[in-house]
PDB file of N, CA and C in Angstrom:
ATOM      1  N   MET A   1      14.811  38.536 -41.639  1.00  0.00           N
ATOM      2  CA  MET A   1      14.653  39.806 -42.431  1.00  0.00           C
ATOM      3  C   MET A   1      14.632  40.520 -41.159  1.00  0.00           C
ATOM      4  N   LYS A   2      15.194  41.973 -40.695  1.00  0.00           N
ATOM      5  CA  LYS A   2      15.085  43.302 -40.368  1.00  0.00           C
ATOM      6  C   LYS A   2      13.468  43.742 -40.761  1.00  0.00           C
ATOM      7  N   ILE A   3      13.039  44.022 -39.558  1.00  0.00           N
ATOM      8  CA  ILE A   3      11.257  44.557 -40.298  1.00  0.00           C
ATOM      9  C   ILE A   3      10.630  45.794 -38.898  1.00  0.00           C
ATOM     10  N   THR A   4      11.203  46.872 -39.485  1.00  0.00           N
ATOM     11  CA  THR A   4       9.974  48.064 -38.714  1.00  0.00           C
ATOM     12  C   THR A   4       8.734  48.335 -38.566  1.00  0.00           C
ATOM     13  N   CYS A   5       8.044  48.214 -37.637  1.00  0.00           N
ATOM     14  CA  CYS A   5       6.583  48.460 -37.773  1.00  0.00           C
ATOM     15  C   CYS A   5       5.949  49.894 -37.764  1.00  0.00           C
ATOM     16  N   GLU A   6       4.707  50.118 -37.733  1.00  0.00           N
ATOM     17  CA  GLU A   6       4.426  51.620 -38.233  1.00  0.00           C
ATOM     18  C   GLU A   6       4.599  52.442 -36.756  1.00  0.00           C
ATOM     19  N   ASN A   7       4.838  51.421 -35.390  1.00  0.00           N
ATOM     20  CA  ASN A   7       5.328  52.597 -33.961  1.00  0.00           C
ATOM     21  C   ASN A   7       6.900  52.483 -34.163  1.00  0.00           C
ATOM     22  N   GLY A   8       7.612  52.296 -35.054  1.00  0.00           N
ATOM     23  CA  GLY A   8       8.820  52.152 -35.275  1.00  0.00           C
ATOM     24  C   GLY A   8       9.673  51.180 -34.363  1.00  0.00           C
ATOM     25  N   HIS A   9       8.980  49.819 -33.954  1.00  0.00           N
ATOM     26  CA  HIS A   9       9.835  49.073 -33.626  1.00  0.00           C
ATOM     27  C   HIS A   9      10.314  48.163 -34.603  1.00  0.00           C
ATOM     28  N   THR A  10      11.448  47.662 -34.110  1.00  0.00           N
ATOM     29  CA  THR A  10      12.719  47.186 -35.139  1.00  0.00           C
ATOM     30  C   THR A  10      12.462  45.385 -34.358  1.00  0.00           C
ATOM     31  N   PHE A  11      12.232  44.431 -35.854  1.00  0.00           N
ATOM     32  CA  PHE A  11      12.473  43.422 -34.838  1.00  0.00           C
ATOM     33  C   PHE A  11      12.653  42.182 -35.837  1.00  0.00           C
ATOM     34  N   GLU A  12      13.300  41.153 -35.829  1.00  0.00           N
ATOM     35  CA  GLU A  12      13.751  40.302 -37.072  1.00  0.00           C
ATOM     36  C   GLU A  12      13.330  39.092 -37.052  1.00  0.00           C
ATOM     37  N   ARG A  13      12.696  39.030 -38.332  1.00  0.00           N
ATOM     38  CA  ARG A  13      11.472  37.491 -38.803  1.00  0.00           C
ATOM     39  C   ARG A  13      12.104  36.813 -39.622  1.00  0.00           C
ATOM     40  N   LYS A  14      12.403  35.855 -39.252  1.00  0.00           N
ATOM     41  CA  LYS A  14      12.646  34.322 -40.842  1.00  0.00           C
ATOM     42  C   LYS A  14      11.394  34.219 -41.392  1.00  0.00           C
ATOM     43  N   SER A  15      10.208  34.252 -41.108  1.00  0.00           N
ATOM     44  CA  SER A  15       8.966  34.570 -41.659  1.00  0.00           C
ATOM     45  C   SER A  15       8.358  35.466 -42.405  1.00  0.00           C
ATOM     46  N   ASN A  16       7.344  36.268 -43.188  1.00  0.00           N
ATOM     47  CA  ASN A  16       7.016  36.628 -43.644  1.00  0.00           C
ATOM     48  C   ASN A  16       6.100  37.618 -43.006  1.00  0.00           C
ATOM     49  N   CYS A  17       5.956  36.546 -41.651  1.00  0.00           N
ATOM     50  CA  CYS A  17       4.997  37.536 -40.720  1.00  0.00           C
ATOM     51  C   CYS A  17       5.367  39.185 -39.983  1.00  0.00           C
ATOM     52  N   ILE A  18       4.486  39.964 -40.354  1.00  0.00           N
ATOM     53  CA  ILE A  18       5.076  41.238 -40.337  1.00  0.00           C
ATOM     54  C   ILE A  18       4.668  41.989 -38.867  1.00  0.00           C
ATOM     55  N   VAL A  19       3.844  40.846 -37.691  1.00  0.00           N
ATOM     56  CA  VAL A  19       3.342  41.419 -36.540  1.00  0.00           C
ATOM     57  C   VAL A  19       4.398  42.147 -35.222  1.00  0.00           C
ATOM     58  N   CYS A  20       4.062  42.676 -35.334  1.00  0.00           N
ATOM     59  CA  CYS A  20       5.172  43.434 -34.047  1.00  0.00           C
ATOM     60  C   CYS A  20       4.815  43.055 -33.063  1.00  0.00           C
ATOM     61  N   LEU A  21       5.643  41.826 -32.199  1.00  0.00           N
ATOM     62  CA  LEU A  21       5.356  41.486 -30.731  1.00  0.00           C
ATOM     63  C   LEU A  21       5.306  42.664 -29.872  1.00  0.00           C
ATOM     64  N   THR A  22       6.087  43.498 -29.772  1.00  0.00           N
ATOM     65  CA  THR A  22       5.782  44.765 -28.957  1.00  0.00           C
ATOM     66  C   THR A  22       4.746  45.454 -28.607  1.00  0.00           C
ATOM     67  N   CYS A  23       4.064  45.885 -30.270  1.00  0.00           N
ATOM     68  CA  CYS A  23       3.178  46.119 -29.911  1.00  0.00           C
ATOM     69  C   CYS A  23       1.543  45.420 -30.088  1.00  0.00           C
ATOM     70  N   THR A  24       1.480  43.738 -30.154  1.00  0.00           N
ATOM     71  CA  THR A  24       0.886  43.001 -29.709  1.00  0.00           C
ATOM     72  C   THR A  24       1.054  42.535 -28.078  1.00  0.00           C
ATOM     73  N   SER A  25       2.206  43.133 -27.410  1.00  0.00           N
ATOM     74  CA  SER A  25       2.375  42.774 -26.497  1.00  0.00           C
ATOM     75  C   SER A  25       1.127  44.106 -25.268  1.00  0.00           C
ATOM     76  N   ALA A  26       1.208  44.734 -25.797  1.00  0.00           N
ATOM     77  CA  ALA A  26       0.681  46.255 -25.663  1.00  0.00           C
ATOM     78  C   ALA A  26      -0.592  46.240 -25.504  1.00  0.00           C
ATOM     79  N   ALA A  27      -0.830  45.423 -26.843  1.00  0.00           N
ATOM     80  CA  ALA A  27      -2.459  45.359 -27.007  1.00  0.00           C
ATOM     81  C   ALA A  27      -3.256  43.935 -25.760  1.00  0.00           C
ATOM     82  N   HIS A  28      -2.190  43.156 -24.993  1.00  0.00           N
ATOM     83  CA  HIS A  28      -2.629  43.117 -23.964  1.00  0.00           C
ATOM     84  C   HIS A  28      -2.985  43.465 -22.952  1.00  0.00           C
ATOM     85  N   ARG A  29      -2.151  44.294 -22.715  1.00  0.00           N
ATOM     86  CA  ARG A  29      -2.217  45.661 -21.031  1.00  0.00           C
ATOM     87  C   ARG A  29      -3.505  46.321 -21.509  1.00  0.00           C
ATOM     88  N   ASP A  30      -3.901  46.610 -23.028  1.00  0.00           N
ATOM     89  CA  ASP A  30      -5.156  47.006 -22.975  1.00  0.00           C
ATOM     90  C   ASP A  30      -6.432  46.496 -23.016  1.00  0.00           C
ATOM     91  N   HIS A  31      -6.572  44.914 -23.835  1.00  0.00           N
ATOM     92  CA  HIS A  31      -7.076  44.390 -23.424  1.00  0.00           C
ATOM     93  C   HIS A  31      -6.922  43.302 -22.894  1.00  0.00           C
ATOM     94  N   LEU A  32      -7.483  42.521 -21.761  1.00  0.00           N
ATOM     95  CA  LEU A  32      -7.202  41.703 -20.901  1.00  0.00           C
ATOM     96  C   LEU A  32      -7.344  40.113 -21.364  1.00  0.00           C
ATOM     97  N   PHE A  33      -8.192  40.222 -22.482  1.00  0.00           N
ATOM     98  CA  PHE A  33      -8.537  39.079 -22.627  1.00  0.00           C
ATOM     99  C   PHE A  33      -8.135  38.407 -23.499  1.00  0.00           C
ATOM    100  N   LEU A  34      -7.259  39.336 -24.249  1.00  0.00           N
ATOM    101  CA  LEU A  34      -6.245  38.158 -25.324  1.00  0.00           C
ATOM    102  C   LEU A  34      -5.328  37.739 -24.625  1.00  0.00           C
ATOM    103  N   GLY A  35      -4.731  38.373 -23.146  1.00  0.00           N
ATOM    104  CA  GLY A  35      -3.750  37.582 -22.672  1.00  0.00           C
ATOM    105  C   GLY A  35      -3.892  36.067 -22.427  1.00  0.00           C
ATOM    106  N   GLN A  36      -5.142  35.538 -22.556  1.00  0.00           N
ATOM    107  CA  GLN A  36      -5.268  33.794 -23.326  1.00  0.00           C
ATOM    108  C   GLN A  36      -5.031  33.368 -24.296  1.00  0.00           C
ATOM    109  N   PHE A  37      -4.430  33.886 -24.977  1.00  0.00           N
ATOM    110  CA  PHE A  37      -4.052  33.808 -25.967  1.00  0.00           C
ATOM    111  C   PHE A  37      -2.738  33.688 -26.397  1.00  0.00           C
ATOM    112  N   PHE A  38      -1.681  32.996 -27.565  1.00  0.00           N
ATOM    113  CA  PHE A  38      -0.083  33.091 -27.621  1.00  0.00           C
ATOM    114  C   PHE A  38      -0.053  32.497 -28.900  1.00  0.00           C
ATOM    115  N   GLY A  39       1.199  33.260 -29.203  1.00  0.00           N
ATOM    116  CA  GLY A  39       1.619  33.339 -30.514  1.00  0.00           C
ATOM    117  C   GLY A  39       0.694  33.239 -31.569  1.00  0.00           C
ATOM    118  N   PRO A  40       0.156  32.386 -32.708  1.00  0.00           N
ATOM    119  CA  PRO A  40      -0.042  32.218 -33.942  1.00  0.00           C
ATOM    120  C   PRO A  40      -1.209  32.901 -33.754  1.00  0.00           C
ATOM    121  N   THR A  41      -1.926  31.824 -32.288  1.00  0.00           N
ATOM    122  CA  THR A  41      -3.769  32.392 -32.266  1.00  0.00           C
ATOM    123  C   THR A  41      -3.735  33.957 -31.948  1.00  0.00           C
ATOM    124  N   LEU A  42      -2.639  34.290 -31.145  1.00  0.00           N
ATOM    125  CA  LEU A  42      -3.005  35.811 -30.756  1.00  0.00           C
ATOM    126  C   LEU A  42      -2.553  36.550 -32.466  1.00  0.00           C
ATOM    127  N   ARG A  43      -1.967  35.974 -32.936  1.00  0.00           N
ATOM    128  CA  ARG A  43      -1.365  37.149 -34.550  1.00  0.00           C
ATOM    129  C   ARG A  43      -2.860  36.846 -34.874  1.00  0.00           C
ATOM    130  N   ALA A  44      -3.169  36.052 -35.203  1.00  0.00           N
ATOM    131  CA  ALA A  44      -4.647  35.709 -36.176  1.00  0.00           C
ATOM    132  C   ALA A  44      -5.521  36.396 -35.786  1.00  0.00           C
ATOM    133  N   ILE A  45      -5.919  36.829 -34.207  1.00  0.00           N
ATOM    134  CA  ILE A  45      -7.145  37.192 -33.606  1.00  0.00           C
ATOM    135  C   ILE A  45      -6.650  38.580 -34.012  1.00  0.00           C
ATOM    136  N   TYR A  46      -5.433  38.963 -33.408  1.00  0.00           N
ATOM    137  CA  TYR A  46      -5.083  40.579 -33.364  1.00  0.00           C
ATOM    138  C   TYR A  46      -5.034  41.352 -34.807  1.00  0.00           C
ATOM    139  N   ASN A  47      -5.256  40.422 -36.250  1.00  0.00           N
ATOM    140  CA  ASN A  47      -4.909  40.818 -37.401  1.00  0.00           C
ATOM    141  C   ASN A  47      -6.446  41.008 -37.828  1.00  0.00           C
ATOM    142  N   ALA A  48      -7.314  40.035 -37.056  1.00  0.00           N
ATOM    143  CA  ALA A  48      -8.551  39.775 -37.803  1.00  0.00           C
ATOM    144  C   ALA A  48      -9.148  41.119 -37.116  1.00  0.00           C
ATOM    145  N   GLY A  49      -8.280  42.166 -36.041  1.00  0.00           N
ATOM    146  CA  GLY A  49      -8.666  43.145 -35.610  1.00  0.00           C
ATOM    147  C   GLY A  49      -9.665  42.939 -34.671  1.00  0.00           C
ATOM    148  N   LEU A  50      -9.244  41.505 -33.963  1.00  0.00           N
ATOM    149  CA  LEU A  50     -10.664  41.275 -32.611  1.00  0.00           C
ATOM    150  C   LEU A  50      -9.831  41.617 -31.292  1.00  0.00           C
ATOM    151  N   THR A  51      -9.443  42.835 -31.098  1.00  0.00           N
ATOM    152  CA  THR A  51      -9.151  43.422 -30.562  1.00  0.00           C
ATOM    153  C   THR A  51      -9.885  44.122 -29.186  1.00  0.00           C
ATOM    154  N   SER A  52     -10.911  43.753 -29.069  1.00  0.00           N
ATOM    155  CA  SER A  52     -11.385  44.307 -27.945  1.00  0.00           C
ATOM    156  C   SER A  52     -12.927  42.844 -27.498  1.00  0.00           C
ATOM    157  N   LEU A  53     -12.849  43.008 -26.010  1.00  0.00           N
ATOM    158  CA  LEU A  53     -13.975  41.439 -25.486  1.00  0.00           C
ATOM    159  C   LEU A  53     -14.933  41.595 -26.550  1.00  0.00           C
ATOM    160  N   LYS A  54     -15.670  43.463 -27.264  1.00  0.00           N
ATOM    161  CA  LYS A  54     -17.229  43.198 -27.493  1.00  0.00           C
ATOM    162  C   LYS A  54     -17.008  42.723 -29.096  1.00  0.00           C
ATOM    163  N   SER A  55     -15.604  42.914 -29.406  1.00  0.00           N
ATOM    164  CA  SER A  55     -15.505  42.829 -31.260  1.00  0.00           C
ATOM    165  C   SER A  55     -15.500  40.994 -31.165  1.00  0.00           C
ATOM    166  N   VAL A  56     -14.797  40.485 -30.349  1.00  0.00           N
ATOM    167  CA  VAL A  56     -15.153  38.870 -30.579  1.00  0.00           C
ATOM    168  C   VAL A  56     -16.997  38.579 -29.996  1.00  0.00           C
ATOM    169  N   LEU A  57     -17.357  38.773 -29.558  1.00  0.00           N
ATOM    170  CA  LEU A  57     -18.783  38.350 -28.812  1.00  0.00           C
ATOM    171  C   LEU A  57     -19.370  38.599 -30.413  1.00  0.00           C
ATOM    172  N   GLU A  58     -19.340  39.859 -31.077  1.00  0.00           N
ATOM    173  CA  GLU A  58     -20.068  40.391 -31.557  1.00  0.00           C
ATOM    174  C   GLU A  58     -20.216  39.335 -33.556  1.00  0.00           C
ATOM    175  N   LEU A  59     -18.685  39.017 -32.982  1.00  0.00           N
ATOM    176  CA  LEU A  59     -18.425  37.844 -34.619  1.00  0.00           C
ATOM    177  C   LEU A  59     -19.012  36.303 -34.280  1.00  0.00           C
ATOM    178  N   ASN A  60     -19.367  36.056 -35.474  1.00  0.00           N
ATOM    179  CA  ASN A  60     -20.081  35.041 -35.753  1.00  0.00           C
ATOM    180  C   ASN A  60     -18.700  33.639 -35.745  1.00  0.00           C
ATOM    181  N   ILE A  61     -18.714  32.709 -34.360  1.00  0.00           N
ATOM    182  CA  ILE A  61     -18.162  31.841 -33.969  1.00  0.00           C
ATOM    183  C   ILE A  61     -17.485  31.199 -34.943  1.00  0.00           C
ATOM    184  N   LYS A  62     -18.075  30.747 -36.480  1.00  0.00           N
ATOM    185  CA  LYS A  62     -17.685  29.815 -37.855  1.00  0.00           C
ATOM    186  C   LYS A  62     -16.798  31.026 -38.497  1.00  0.00           C
ATOM    187  N   SER A  63     -16.987  32.072 -38.301  1.00  0.00           N
ATOM    188  CA  SER A  63     -16.004  33.252 -38.759  1.00  0.00           C
ATOM    189  C   SER A  63     -14.597  33.199 -38.216  1.00  0.00           C
ATOM    190  N   ILE A  64     -14.973  33.185 -36.840  1.00  0.00           N
ATOM    191  CA  ILE A  64     -13.309  32.929 -36.334  1.00  0.00           C
ATOM    192  C   ILE A  64     -13.036  31.632 -36.484  1.00  0.00           C
ATOM    193  N   ALA A  65     -13.646  30.903 -36.207  1.00  0.00           N
ATOM    194  CA  ALA A  65     -12.792  29.623 -36.772  1.00  0.00           C
ATOM    195  C   ALA A  65     -12.262  29.419 -38.081  1.00  0.00           C
ATOM    196  N   LYS A  66     -12.426  29.661 -39.124  1.00  0.00           N
ATOM    197  CA  LYS A  66     -11.722  29.984 -40.359  1.00  0.00           C
ATOM    198  C   LYS A  66     -10.232  30.443 -40.333  1.00  0.00           C
ATOM    199  N   LEU A  67     -10.159  31.406 -38.948  1.00  0.00           N
ATOM    200  CA  LEU A  67      -8.978  32.462 -39.605  1.00  0.00           C
ATOM    201  C   LEU A  67      -7.926  31.363 -39.346  1.00  0.00           C
ATOM    202  N   HIS A  68      -6.560  31.596 -40.031  1.00  0.00           N
ATOM    203  CA  HIS A  68      -5.763  30.332 -39.947  1.00  0.00           C
ATOM    204  C   HIS A  68      -5.304  30.622 -38.685  1.00  0.00           C
ATOM    205  N   SER A  69      -4.399  29.218 -37.921  1.00  0.00           N
ATOM    206  CA  SER A  69      -3.943  29.156 -36.999  1.00  0.00           C
ATOM    207  C   SER A  69      -5.068  29.297 -34.973  1.00  0.00           C
ATOM    208  N   ILE A  70      -6.553  29.549 -35.956  1.00  0.00           N
ATOM    209  CA  ILE A  70      -7.160  28.962 -34.754  1.00  0.00           C
ATOM    210  C   ILE A  70      -8.361  27.892 -34.434  1.00  0.00           C
ATOM    211  N   GLY A  71      -7.963  26.865 -33.341  1.00  0.00           N
ATOM    212  CA  GLY A  71      -8.395  26.052 -33.162  1.00  0.00           C
ATOM    213  C   GLY A  71      -9.462  25.458 -32.517  1.00  0.00           C
ATOM    214  N   LYS A  72      -9.756  24.180 -31.719  1.00  0.00           N
ATOM    215  CA  LYS A  72     -10.084  24.099 -30.906  1.00  0.00           C
ATOM    216  C   LYS A  72     -10.929  24.183 -29.564  1.00  0.00           C
ATOM    217  N   THR A  73      -9.071  25.003 -28.879  1.00  0.00           N
ATOM    218  CA  THR A  73      -8.864  25.267 -27.894  1.00  0.00           C
ATOM    219  C   THR A  73      -9.373  26.576 -27.629  1.00  0.00           C
ATOM    220  N   THR A  74      -9.106  27.409 -28.700  1.00  0.00           N
ATOM    221  CA  THR A  74      -9.559  28.494 -28.604  1.00  0.00           C
ATOM    222  C   THR A  74     -10.831  28.913 -29.003  1.00  0.00           C
ATOM    223  N   ILE A  75     -11.532  28.056 -29.889  1.00  0.00           N
ATOM    224  CA  ILE A  75     -13.081  28.431 -29.983  1.00  0.00           C
ATOM    225  C   ILE A  75     -13.385  28.318 -28.775  1.00  0.00           C
ATOM    226  N   SER A  76     -13.205  27.311 -28.066  1.00  0.00           N
ATOM    227  CA  SER A  76     -13.682  26.543 -26.455  1.00  0.00           C
ATOM    228  C   SER A  76     -13.751  27.590 -25.694  1.00  0.00           C
ATOM    229  N   LYS A  77     -12.044  28.866 -25.516  1.00  0.00           N
ATOM    230  CA  LYS A  77     -12.179  29.655 -24.631  1.00  0.00           C
ATOM    231  C   LYS A  77     -13.455  30.963 -25.313  1.00  0.00           C
ATOM    232  N   ILE A  78     -13.187  30.984 -26.477  1.00  0.00           N
ATOM    233  CA  ILE A  78     -14.375  32.124 -26.827  1.00  0.00           C
ATOM    234  C   ILE A  78     -15.839  31.830 -26.588  1.00  0.00           C
ATOM    235  N   GLU A  79     -16.077  30.862 -26.697  1.00  0.00           N
ATOM    236  CA  GLU A  79     -17.253  30.246 -26.224  1.00  0.00           C
ATOM    237  C   GLU A  79     -17.384  30.858 -24.728  1.00  0.00           C
ATOM    238  N   GLN A  80     -16.578  30.258 -24.081  1.00  0.00           N
ATOM    239  CA  GLN A  80     -16.798  30.239 -22.455  1.00  0.00           C
ATOM    240  C   GLN A  80     -17.111  32.122 -22.106  1.00  0.00           C
ATOM    241  N   LEU A  81     -15.873  32.754 -23.384  1.00  0.00           N
ATOM    242  CA  LEU A  81     -16.131  34.374 -23.063  1.00  0.00           C
ATOM    243  C   LEU A  81     -17.749  34.949 -23.138  1.00  0.00           C
ATOM    244  N   ARG A  82     -18.418  34.032 -24.200  1.00  0.00           N
ATOM    245  CA  ARG A  82     -19.269  34.551 -24.752  1.00  0.00           C
ATOM    246  C   ARG A  82     -20.406  33.842 -23.643  1.00  0.00           C
ATOM    247  N   LYS A  83     -20.050  32.917 -22.835  1.00  0.00           N
ATOM    248  CA  LYS A  83     -21.102  32.117 -22.290  1.00  0.00           C
ATOM    249  C   LYS A  83     -21.218  32.886 -20.765  1.00  0.00           C
ATOM    250  N   ASN A  84     -19.947  33.366 -20.453  1.00  0.00           N
ATOM    251  CA  ASN A  84     -20.196  34.071 -19.020  1.00  0.00           C
ATOM    252  C   ASN A  84     -19.581  35.699 -19.778  1.00  0.00           C
ATOM    253  N   GLU A  85     -19.454  36.025 -20.678  1.00  0.00           N
ATOM    254  CA  GLU A  85     -19.714  37.926 -20.793  1.00  0.00           C
ATOM    255  C   GLU A  85     -18.710  38.262 -20.165  1.00  0.00           C
ATOM    256  N   ILE A  86     -17.349  37.563 -19.541  1.00  0.00           N
ATOM    257  CA  ILE A  86     -16.453  38.656 -18.454  1.00  0.00           C
ATOM    258  C   ILE A  86     -15.159  38.194 -18.750  1.00  0.00           C
ATOM    259  N   ILE A  87     -14.689  39.102 -18.656  1.00  0.00           N
ATOM    260  CA  ILE A  87     -13.060  39.176 -18.835  1.00  0.00           C
ATOM    261  C   ILE A  87     -12.468  38.478 -18.090  1.00  0.00           C
ATOM    262  N   PRO A  88     -11.644  37.008 -18.237  1.00  0.00           N
ATOM    263  CA  PRO A  88     -10.826  36.513 -17.384  1.00  0.00           C
ATOM    264  C   PRO A  88      -9.773  37.076 -16.348  1.00  0.00           C
TER     265      PRO A  88
END
């Protein structure tokens, strides 16, 4: 099905996912830490409103772990970010 996002980007989807990859890619440029994550994990983080390092560091790890598509690798990356408090 064809979907048009709120920014006017049109894209095809076989699923009911409405996340625009063009907009998501733009978020990568604005928030470098998101560049560590890909595909479903990135969409889960982005849809949860975690679009800045500060928002991720402030949220409880258990809350992040409950998001769909968030697994051990993602939690490990976020814990490393918390430990270092730097943008890789």
